[in-house]
Amino acid sequence: MVTATFRFHEELNDFLSRERRERAFATDCARAATAKHMIEALGVPHTEVGHLLVNGEPGSFDRLLEEGDTVAAYPQRADHGAPHRFVADAHLGALARLLRMAGFDTLYDNAYQDEEIVAIAGREGRTVLTRDRELLKRRELEHGCYLHAIAPQAQLRELSGRLVLAPLARPFTRCLHCNLPLRPVAKAEVLARLPESVRLTHDAFTTCDACARVFWKGSHHTRMLAMLGGAIGLESSLSSLASDNA
């Protein structure tokens, strides 16, 4: 065994047992343990760590720990390169819907197994969204975000703050059901699918080519836009984007 000292910074402390938060602490490590192995053994998924310092110098996850090493771990930041395309686990269906509403490419299926989620993320270059820290410890997973919040709007607010989503949001440009981009469609093309009240009061429509659903700015539009603006954080920017992309 060797002994190394760890210090986790900022929100990484949320993953630690209470007595280890906001302080340096020494712990025993297996002789062949890497920094990644010990960080995850202490409860912190590697996807949550932005960079490491080992003995005050930049370090890597595959660094073999030696007697007396000191390891400082810092959280990911918005510029760490995680893609703004997502795959959400089976417990985050409501968050996936909100992300689609904001215009973000988000895959979700409540039948996804962990292995499938990891495979999709690797194959398609997506960030995994989950509240399962063990999923984020998968060796082959490169990008992931652990959501601390439980309520969907709070989760969206948390994710937006971490990845700075507001400048990239394009509200109401993606199908909430199929995740595919919507396209503008002439009123005459969808007339037969519209309620009579909508035929009389609306002229601008979009449609999904996969599920054939038709969308328009109904009474719910302003309410949903305000909700997105509050969650993502820039109501005026979102209002302008929604108008441009209607």
C-alpha atoms as a PDB file:
ATOM      1  CA  MET A   1       0.000   0.000   0.000  1.00  0.00           C
ATOM      2  CA  VAL A   2       0.997   3.625  -0.495  1.00  0.00           C
ATOM      3  CA  THR A   3      -0.508   6.722   1.090  1.00  0.00           C
ATOM      4  CA  ALA A   4      -1.568   9.741  -0.972  1.00  0.00           C
ATOM      5  CA  THR A   5      -3.262  12.981   0.004  1.00  0.00           C
ATOM      6  CA  PHE A   6      -6.311  14.217  -1.926  1.00  0.00           C
ATOM      7  CA  ARG A   7      -8.048  17.589  -2.088  1.00  0.00           C
ATOM      8  CA  PHE A   8     -11.237  18.034  -4.114  1.00  0.00           C
ATOM      9  CA  HIS A   9     -12.396  21.505  -5.069  1.00  0.00           C
ATOM     10  CA  GLU A  10     -15.751  23.246  -5.423  1.00  0.00           C
ATOM     11  CA  GLU A  11     -18.724  21.066  -6.413  1.00  0.00           C
ATOM     12  CA  LEU A  12     -16.630  17.880  -6.487  1.00  0.00           C
ATOM     13  CA  ASN A  13     -16.994  17.899  -2.707  1.00  0.00           C
ATOM     14  CA  ASP A  14     -20.667  16.986  -3.134  1.00  0.00           C
ATOM     15  CA  PHE A  15     -19.593  13.444  -4.067  1.00  0.00           C
ATOM     16  CA  LEU A  16     -17.500  12.929  -0.929  1.00  0.00           C
ATOM     17  CA  SER A  17     -18.420  11.715   2.500  1.00  0.00           C
ATOM     18  CA  ARG A  18     -19.051  14.664   4.793  1.00  0.00           C
ATOM     19  CA  GLU A  19     -15.846  14.330   6.795  1.00  0.00           C
ATOM     20  CA  ARG A  20     -13.715  14.620   3.626  1.00  0.00           C
ATOM     21  CA  ARG A  21     -15.321  17.714   2.146  1.00  0.00           C
ATOM     22  CA  GLU A  22     -13.429  21.006   1.751  1.00  0.00           C
ATOM     23  CA  ARG A  23     -10.208  19.649   3.187  1.00  0.00           C
ATOM     24  CA  ALA A  24      -7.113  17.674   2.287  1.00  0.00           C
ATOM     25  CA  PHE A  25      -7.109  14.109   3.551  1.00  0.00           C
ATOM     26  CA  ALA A  26      -4.726  11.182   3.353  1.00  0.00           C
ATOM     27  CA  THR A  27      -5.876   7.735   2.296  1.00  0.00           C
ATOM     28  CA  ASP A  28      -4.319   4.351   1.586  1.00  0.00           C
ATOM     29  CA  CYS A  29      -4.051   3.310  -2.076  1.00  0.00           C
ATOM     30  CA  ALA A  30      -3.203   0.012  -3.708  1.00  0.00           C
ATOM     31  CA  ARG A  31       0.382   0.024  -4.931  1.00  0.00           C
ATOM     32  CA  ALA A  32      -0.668  -0.063  -8.611  1.00  0.00           C
ATOM     33  CA  ALA A  33      -3.580   2.368  -8.236  1.00  0.00           C
ATOM     34  CA  THR A  34      -3.951   5.169 -10.761  1.00  0.00           C
ATOM     35  CA  ALA A  35      -5.262   8.630  -9.979  1.00  0.00           C
ATOM     36  CA  LYS A  36      -8.496   7.749 -11.821  1.00  0.00           C
ATOM     37  CA  HIS A  37      -8.967   4.554  -9.810  1.00  0.00           C
ATOM     38  CA  MET A  38      -8.603   6.344  -6.483  1.00  0.00           C
ATOM     39  CA  ILE A  39     -10.702   9.374  -7.453  1.00  0.00           C
ATOM     40  CA  GLU A  40     -13.583   7.083  -8.385  1.00  0.00           C
ATOM     41  CA  ALA A  41     -13.035   4.854  -5.348  1.00  0.00           C
ATOM     42  CA  LEU A  42     -13.581   7.994  -3.282  1.00  0.00           C
ATOM     43  CA  GLY A  43     -16.920   8.536  -5.048  1.00  0.00           C
ATOM     44  CA  VAL A  44     -16.141  11.105  -7.763  1.00  0.00           C
ATOM     45  CA  PRO A  45     -16.863  10.046 -11.391  1.00  0.00           C
ATOM     46  CA  HIS A  46     -13.966  10.852 -13.725  1.00  0.00           C
ATOM     47  CA  THR A  47     -16.320  12.714 -16.076  1.00  0.00           C
ATOM     48  CA  GLU A  48     -16.811  15.354 -13.351  1.00  0.00           C
ATOM     49  CA  VAL A  49     -13.107  16.169 -13.078  1.00  0.00           C
ATOM     50  CA  GLY A  50     -11.715  18.883 -15.347  1.00  0.00           C
ATOM     51  CA  HIS A  51      -8.050  18.722 -14.451  1.00  0.00           C
ATOM     52  CA  LEU A  52      -5.648  17.329 -11.879  1.00  0.00           C
ATOM     53  CA  LEU A  53      -2.556  18.565 -10.152  1.00  0.00           C
ATOM     54  CA  VAL A  54      -0.224  15.882  -8.790  1.00  0.00           C
ATOM     55  CA  ASN A  55       2.407  17.288  -6.456  1.00  0.00           C
ATOM     56  CA  GLY A  56       1.570  20.724  -7.810  1.00  0.00           C
ATOM     57  CA  GLU A  57       2.112  19.781 -11.463  1.00  0.00           C
ATOM     58  CA  PRO A  58      -0.482  18.937 -14.160  1.00  0.00           C
ATOM     59  CA  GLY A  59      -1.363  15.256 -13.875  1.00  0.00           C
ATOM     60  CA  SER A  60      -3.359  12.635 -15.741  1.00  0.00           C
ATOM     61  CA  PHE A  61      -5.873   9.997 -14.773  1.00  0.00           C
ATOM     62  CA  ASP A  62      -3.471   7.184 -15.654  1.00  0.00           C
ATOM     63  CA  ARG A  63      -0.745   8.465 -13.315  1.00  0.00           C
ATOM     64  CA  LEU A  64       0.367   5.662 -10.978  1.00  0.00           C
ATOM     65  CA  LEU A  65       0.237   6.969  -7.443  1.00  0.00           C
ATOM     66  CA  GLU A  66       3.366   6.844  -5.318  1.00  0.00           C
ATOM     67  CA  GLU A  67       4.019   7.201  -1.620  1.00  0.00           C
ATOM     68  CA  GLY A  68       3.434  10.788  -0.454  1.00  0.00           C
ATOM     69  CA  ASP A  69       1.755  12.056  -3.635  1.00  0.00           C
ATOM     70  CA  THR A  70      -0.664  14.942  -3.285  1.00  0.00           C
ATOM     71  CA  VAL A  71      -3.577  15.067  -5.738  1.00  0.00           C
ATOM     72  CA  ALA A  72      -5.785  18.117  -6.297  1.00  0.00           C
ATOM     73  CA  ALA A  73      -8.910  17.615  -8.434  1.00  0.00           C
ATOM     74  CA  TYR A  74     -10.876  20.461 -10.026  1.00  0.00           C
ATOM     75  CA  PRO A  75     -14.335  20.313 -11.658  1.00  0.00           C
ATOM     76  CA  GLN A  76     -15.165  20.542 -15.349  1.00  0.00           C
ATOM     77  CA  ARG A  77     -15.855  23.972 -16.781  1.00  0.00           C
ATOM     78  CA  ALA A  78     -17.900  25.143 -19.763  1.00  0.00           C
ATOM     79  CA  ASP A  79     -14.886  25.164 -22.072  1.00  0.00           C
ATOM     80  CA  HIS A  80     -13.875  21.564 -21.425  1.00  0.00           C
ATOM     81  CA  GLY A  81     -15.124  20.387 -24.819  1.00  0.00           C
ATOM     82  CA  ALA A  82     -18.152  18.291 -23.874  1.00  0.00           C
ATOM     83  CA  PRO A  83     -20.509  18.118 -26.864  1.00  0.00           C
ATOM     84  CA  HIS A  84     -23.867  19.868 -26.601  1.00  0.00           C
ATOM     85  CA  ARG A  85     -25.592  16.752 -27.928  1.00  0.00           C
ATOM     86  CA  PHE A  86     -26.963  14.525 -25.212  1.00  0.00           C
ATOM     87  CA  VAL A  87     -28.192  11.068 -24.335  1.00  0.00           C
ATOM     88  CA  ALA A  88     -30.244  10.929 -21.137  1.00  0.00           C
ATOM     89  CA  ASP A  89     -30.680   7.885 -18.939  1.00  0.00           C
ATOM     90  CA  ALA A  90     -34.039   6.292 -18.182  1.00  0.00           C
ATOM     91  CA  HIS A  91     -34.765   8.540 -15.178  1.00  0.00           C
ATOM     92  CA  LEU A  92     -34.378  11.864 -17.008  1.00  0.00           C
ATOM     93  CA  GLY A  93     -37.222  11.798 -19.517  1.00  0.00           C
ATOM     94  CA  ALA A  94     -38.616  15.156 -18.382  1.00  0.00           C
ATOM     95  CA  LEU A  95     -35.207  16.811 -18.680  1.00  0.00           C
ATOM     96  CA  ALA A  96     -34.779  15.328 -22.167  1.00  0.00           C
ATOM     97  CA  ARG A  97     -38.091  16.870 -23.204  1.00  0.00           C
ATOM     98  CA  LEU A  98     -37.062  20.287 -21.852  1.00  0.00           C
ATOM     99  CA  LEU A  99     -33.744  20.109 -23.702  1.00  0.00           C
ATOM    100  CA  ARG A 100     -35.537  19.266 -26.936  1.00  0.00           C
ATOM    101  CA  MET A 101     -37.903  22.166 -26.310  1.00  0.00           C
ATOM    102  CA  ALA A 102     -34.845  24.424 -26.020  1.00  0.00           C
ATOM    103  CA  GLY A 103     -33.524  23.029 -29.318  1.00  0.00           C
ATOM    104  CA  PHE A 104     -30.852  20.603 -28.109  1.00  0.00           C
ATOM    105  CA  ASP A 105     -30.352  17.225 -29.775  1.00  0.00           C
ATOM    106  CA  THR A 106     -31.213  14.839 -26.922  1.00  0.00           C
ATOM    107  CA  LEU A 107     -31.729  11.092 -27.229  1.00  0.00           C
ATOM    108  CA  TYR A 108     -33.911   9.374 -24.648  1.00  0.00           C
ATOM    109  CA  ASP A 109     -35.651   6.049 -24.304  1.00  0.00           C
ATOM    110  CA  ASN A 110     -36.760   4.647 -20.960  1.00  0.00           C
ATOM    111  CA  ALA A 111     -35.705   1.210 -22.200  1.00  0.00           C
ATOM    112  CA  TYR A 112     -32.038   2.227 -22.628  1.00  0.00           C
ATOM    113  CA  GLN A 113     -29.650   0.046 -20.643  1.00  0.00           C
ATOM    114  CA  ASP A 114     -26.389   1.487 -19.317  1.00  0.00           C
ATOM    115  CA  GLU A 115     -24.316  -0.366 -21.900  1.00  0.00           C
ATOM    116  CA  GLU A 116     -26.430   1.068 -24.698  1.00  0.00           C
ATOM    117  CA  ILE A 117     -26.171   4.598 -23.347  1.00  0.00           C
ATOM    118  CA  VAL A 118     -22.381   4.372 -23.173  1.00  0.00           C
ATOM    119  CA  ALA A 119     -22.217   2.897 -26.686  1.00  0.00           C
ATOM    120  CA  ILE A 120     -24.428   5.656 -28.117  1.00  0.00           C
ATOM    121  CA  ALA A 121     -22.372   8.357 -26.404  1.00  0.00           C
ATOM    122  CA  GLY A 122     -19.141   6.979 -27.843  1.00  0.00           C
ATOM    123  CA  ARG A 123     -20.514   6.290 -31.316  1.00  0.00           C
ATOM    124  CA  GLU A 124     -22.311   9.606 -31.757  1.00  0.00           C
ATOM    125  CA  GLY A 125     -20.172  11.920 -29.652  1.00  0.00           C
ATOM    126  CA  ARG A 126     -22.795  12.713 -27.010  1.00  0.00           C
ATOM    127  CA  THR A 127     -22.666  13.776 -23.384  1.00  0.00           C
ATOM    128  CA  VAL A 128     -24.367  11.346 -21.007  1.00  0.00           C
ATOM    129  CA  LEU A 129     -26.836  12.905 -18.563  1.00  0.00           C
ATOM    130  CA  THR A 130     -27.577  10.912 -15.443  1.00  0.00           C
ATOM    131  CA  ARG A 131     -28.067  10.835 -11.687  1.00  0.00           C
ATOM    132  CA  ASP A 132     -26.253   7.491 -11.541  1.00  0.00           C
ATOM    133  CA  ARG A 133     -22.639   8.143 -10.623  1.00  0.00           C
ATOM    134  CA  GLU A 134     -21.696   4.511 -11.294  1.00  0.00           C
ATOM    135  CA  LEU A 135     -22.716   4.968 -14.937  1.00  0.00           C
ATOM    136  CA  LEU A 136     -20.314   7.893 -15.211  1.00  0.00           C
ATOM    137  CA  LYS A 137     -17.462   5.742 -13.901  1.00  0.00           C
ATOM    138  CA  ARG A 138     -17.531   3.521 -17.004  1.00  0.00           C
ATOM    139  CA  ARG A 139     -13.976   3.435 -18.346  1.00  0.00           C
ATOM    140  CA  GLU A 140     -15.014   3.990 -21.971  1.00  0.00           C
ATOM    141  CA  LEU A 141     -17.158   7.053 -21.233  1.00  0.00           C
ATOM    142  CA  GLU A 142     -15.529  10.349 -22.175  1.00  0.00           C
ATOM    143  CA  HIS A 143     -18.200  12.987 -21.523  1.00  0.00           C
ATOM    144  CA  GLY A 144     -20.929  12.949 -18.908  1.00  0.00           C
ATOM    145  CA  CYS A 145     -22.771  15.214 -16.475  1.00  0.00           C
ATOM    146  CA  TYR A 146     -24.106  14.185 -13.102  1.00  0.00           C
ATOM    147  CA  LEU A 147     -27.315  16.076 -12.241  1.00  0.00           C
ATOM    148  CA  HIS A 148     -27.566  16.889  -8.540  1.00  0.00           C
ATOM    149  CA  ALA A 149     -31.017  18.469  -8.852  1.00  0.00           C
ATOM    150  CA  ILE A 150     -34.145  16.308  -8.829  1.00  0.00           C
ATOM    151  CA  ALA A 151     -36.815  18.558 -10.377  1.00  0.00           C
ATOM    152  CA  PRO A 152     -36.563  18.759 -14.212  1.00  0.00           C
ATOM    153  CA  GLN A 153     -36.471  22.571 -14.428  1.00  0.00           C
ATOM    154  CA  ALA A 154     -33.808  22.692 -11.730  1.00  0.00           C
ATOM    155  CA  GLN A 155     -31.841  20.061 -13.652  1.00  0.00           C
ATOM    156  CA  LEU A 156     -32.030  22.194 -16.782  1.00  0.00           C
ATOM    157  CA  ARG A 157     -30.846  25.216 -14.795  1.00  0.00           C
ATOM    158  CA  GLU A 158     -27.948  23.211 -13.366  1.00  0.00           C
ATOM    159  CA  LEU A 159     -26.906  21.847 -16.757  1.00  0.00           C
ATOM    160  CA  SER A 160     -27.194  25.251 -18.406  1.00  0.00           C
ATOM    161  CA  GLY A 161     -25.006  26.823 -15.768  1.00  0.00           C
ATOM    162  CA  ARG A 162     -22.374  24.158 -16.227  1.00  0.00           C
ATOM    163  CA  LEU A 163     -22.324  24.071 -20.037  1.00  0.00           C
ATOM    164  CA  VAL A 164     -23.492  27.660 -20.758  1.00  0.00           C
ATOM    165  CA  LEU A 165     -26.407  26.540 -22.918  1.00  0.00           C
ATOM    166  CA  ALA A 166     -28.224  29.859 -23.340  1.00  0.00           C
ATOM    167  CA  PRO A 167     -26.239  31.180 -26.352  1.00  0.00           C
ATOM    168  CA  LEU A 168     -26.834  27.876 -28.184  1.00  0.00           C
ATOM    169  CA  ALA A 169     -30.540  27.507 -27.436  1.00  0.00           C
ATOM    170  CA  ARG A 170     -32.967  27.464 -30.367  1.00  0.00           C
ATOM    171  CA  PRO A 171     -36.398  27.055 -28.749  1.00  0.00           C
ATOM    172  CA  PHE A 172     -39.155  25.170 -30.548  1.00  0.00           C
ATOM    173  CA  THR A 173     -36.987  24.013 -33.456  1.00  0.00           C
ATOM    174  CA  ARG A 174     -36.920  20.321 -32.522  1.00  0.00           C
ATOM    175  CA  CYS A 175     -39.699  17.758 -32.163  1.00  0.00           C
ATOM    176  CA  LEU A 176     -40.426  17.024 -28.510  1.00  0.00           C
ATOM    177  CA  HIS A 177     -41.369  13.441 -29.394  1.00  0.00           C
ATOM    178  CA  CYS A 178     -38.895  12.410 -32.113  1.00  0.00           C
ATOM    179  CA  ASN A 179     -35.958  14.734 -31.410  1.00  0.00           C
ATOM    180  CA  LEU A 180     -35.722  15.592 -35.126  1.00  0.00           C
ATOM    181  CA  PRO A 181     -35.463  19.181 -36.431  1.00  0.00           C
ATOM    182  CA  LEU A 182     -38.766  20.799 -37.320  1.00  0.00           C
ATOM    183  CA  ARG A 183     -39.315  22.454 -40.697  1.00  0.00           C
ATOM    184  CA  PRO A 184     -41.662  25.304 -41.643  1.00  0.00           C
ATOM    185  CA  VAL A 185     -44.721  24.100 -43.504  1.00  0.00           C
ATOM    186  CA  ALA A 186     -47.381  25.911 -45.499  1.00  0.00           C
ATOM    187  CA  LYS A 187     -50.757  26.192 -43.815  1.00  0.00           C
ATOM    188  CA  ALA A 188     -52.462  24.605 -46.815  1.00  0.00           C
ATOM    189  CA  GLU A 189     -50.297  21.505 -46.441  1.00  0.00           C
ATOM    190  CA  VAL A 190     -51.464  20.821 -42.877  1.00  0.00           C
ATOM    191  CA  LEU A 191     -54.921  22.390 -42.957  1.00  0.00           C
ATOM    192  CA  ALA A 192     -56.733  19.081 -42.560  1.00  0.00           C
ATOM    193  CA  ARG A 193     -54.763  18.319 -39.389  1.00  0.00           C
ATOM    194  CA  LEU A 194     -55.585  21.573 -37.592  1.00  0.00           C
ATOM    195  CA  PRO A 195     -58.326  22.201 -35.060  1.00  0.00           C
ATOM    196  CA  GLU A 196     -60.884  24.653 -36.368  1.00  0.00           C
ATOM    197  CA  SER A 197     -59.909  27.337 -33.848  1.00  0.00           C
ATOM    198  CA  VAL A 198     -56.279  27.110 -34.999  1.00  0.00           C
ATOM    199  CA  ARG A 199     -57.237  27.371 -38.671  1.00  0.00           C
ATOM    200  CA  LEU A 200     -58.944  30.673 -37.937  1.00  0.00           C
ATOM    201  CA  THR A 201     -56.266  32.245 -35.749  1.00  0.00           C
ATOM    202  CA  HIS A 202     -52.824  30.983 -36.882  1.00  0.00           C
ATOM    203  CA  ASP A 203     -50.854  31.096 -40.111  1.00  0.00           C
ATOM    204  CA  ALA A 204     -47.306  29.965 -39.161  1.00  0.00           C
ATOM    205  CA  PHE A 205     -46.617  26.275 -38.598  1.00  0.00           C
ATOM    206  CA  THR A 206     -43.790  23.779 -38.322  1.00  0.00           C
ATOM    207  CA  THR A 207     -43.936  20.004 -38.666  1.00  0.00           C
ATOM    208  CA  CYS A 208     -41.921  16.908 -37.900  1.00  0.00           C
ATOM    209  CA  ASP A 209     -41.303  14.681 -40.906  1.00  0.00           C
ATOM    210  CA  ALA A 210     -41.057  11.586 -38.698  1.00  0.00           C
ATOM    211  CA  CYS A 211     -44.237  11.739 -36.613  1.00  0.00           C
ATOM    212  CA  ALA A 212     -46.162  14.288 -38.749  1.00  0.00           C
ATOM    213  CA  ARG A 213     -47.081  16.370 -35.704  1.00  0.00           C
ATOM    214  CA  VAL A 214     -47.821  20.038 -36.394  1.00  0.00           C
ATOM    215  CA  PHE A 215     -46.725  22.856 -34.080  1.00  0.00           C
ATOM    216  CA  TRP A 216     -47.824  26.487 -33.762  1.00  0.00           C
ATOM    217  CA  LYS A 217     -47.607  29.318 -31.263  1.00  0.00           C
ATOM    218  CA  GLY A 218     -50.606  28.550 -29.119  1.00  0.00           C
ATOM    219  CA  SER A 219     -51.552  29.942 -25.730  1.00  0.00           C
ATOM    220  CA  HIS A 220     -48.902  27.722 -24.152  1.00  0.00           C
ATOM    221  CA  HIS A 221     -46.062  29.269 -26.191  1.00  0.00           C
ATOM    222  CA  THR A 222     -45.412  32.287 -23.966  1.00  0.00           C
ATOM    223  CA  ARG A 223     -45.665  30.173 -20.807  1.00  0.00           C
ATOM    224  CA  MET A 224     -43.155  27.575 -22.072  1.00  0.00           C
ATOM    225  CA  LEU A 225     -40.805  30.278 -23.306  1.00  0.00           C
ATOM    226  CA  ALA A 226     -40.845  31.974 -19.912  1.00  0.00           C
ATOM    227  CA  MET A 227     -40.143  28.639 -18.226  1.00  0.00           C
ATOM    228  CA  LEU A 228     -37.172  27.993 -20.539  1.00  0.00           C
ATOM    229  CA  GLY A 229     -35.863  31.505 -20.020  1.00  0.00           C
ATOM    230  CA  GLY A 230     -36.015  31.113 -16.264  1.00  0.00           C
ATOM    231  CA  ALA A 231     -34.286  27.741 -16.349  1.00  0.00           C
ATOM    232  CA  ILE A 232     -31.586  28.574 -18.886  1.00  0.00           C
ATOM    233  CA  GLY A 233     -31.086  32.099 -17.614  1.00  0.00           C
ATOM    234  CA  LEU A 234     -31.430  34.536 -20.508  1.00  0.00           C
ATOM    235  CA  GLU A 235     -35.101  35.272 -21.118  1.00  0.00           C
ATOM    236  CA  SER A 236     -34.530  38.143 -23.547  1.00  0.00           C
ATOM    237  CA  SER A 237     -32.122  36.134 -25.700  1.00  0.00           C
ATOM    238  CA  LEU A 238     -34.456  33.163 -25.750  1.00  0.00           C
ATOM    239  CA  SER A 239     -37.408  35.341 -26.704  1.00  0.00           C
ATOM    240  CA  SER A 240     -35.488  36.739 -29.650  1.00  0.00           C
ATOM    241  CA  LEU A 241     -34.306  33.298 -30.741  1.00  0.00           C
ATOM    242  CA  ALA A 242     -37.793  31.840 -30.485  1.00  0.00           C
ATOM    243  CA  SER A 243     -39.144  34.649 -32.659  1.00  0.00           C
ATOM    244  CA  ASP A 244     -36.411  34.131 -35.244  1.00  0.00           C
ATOM    245  CA  ASN A 245     -36.950  30.369 -35.376  1.00  0.00           C
ATOM    246  CA  ALA A 246     -40.734  30.242 -35.248  1.00  0.00           C
END
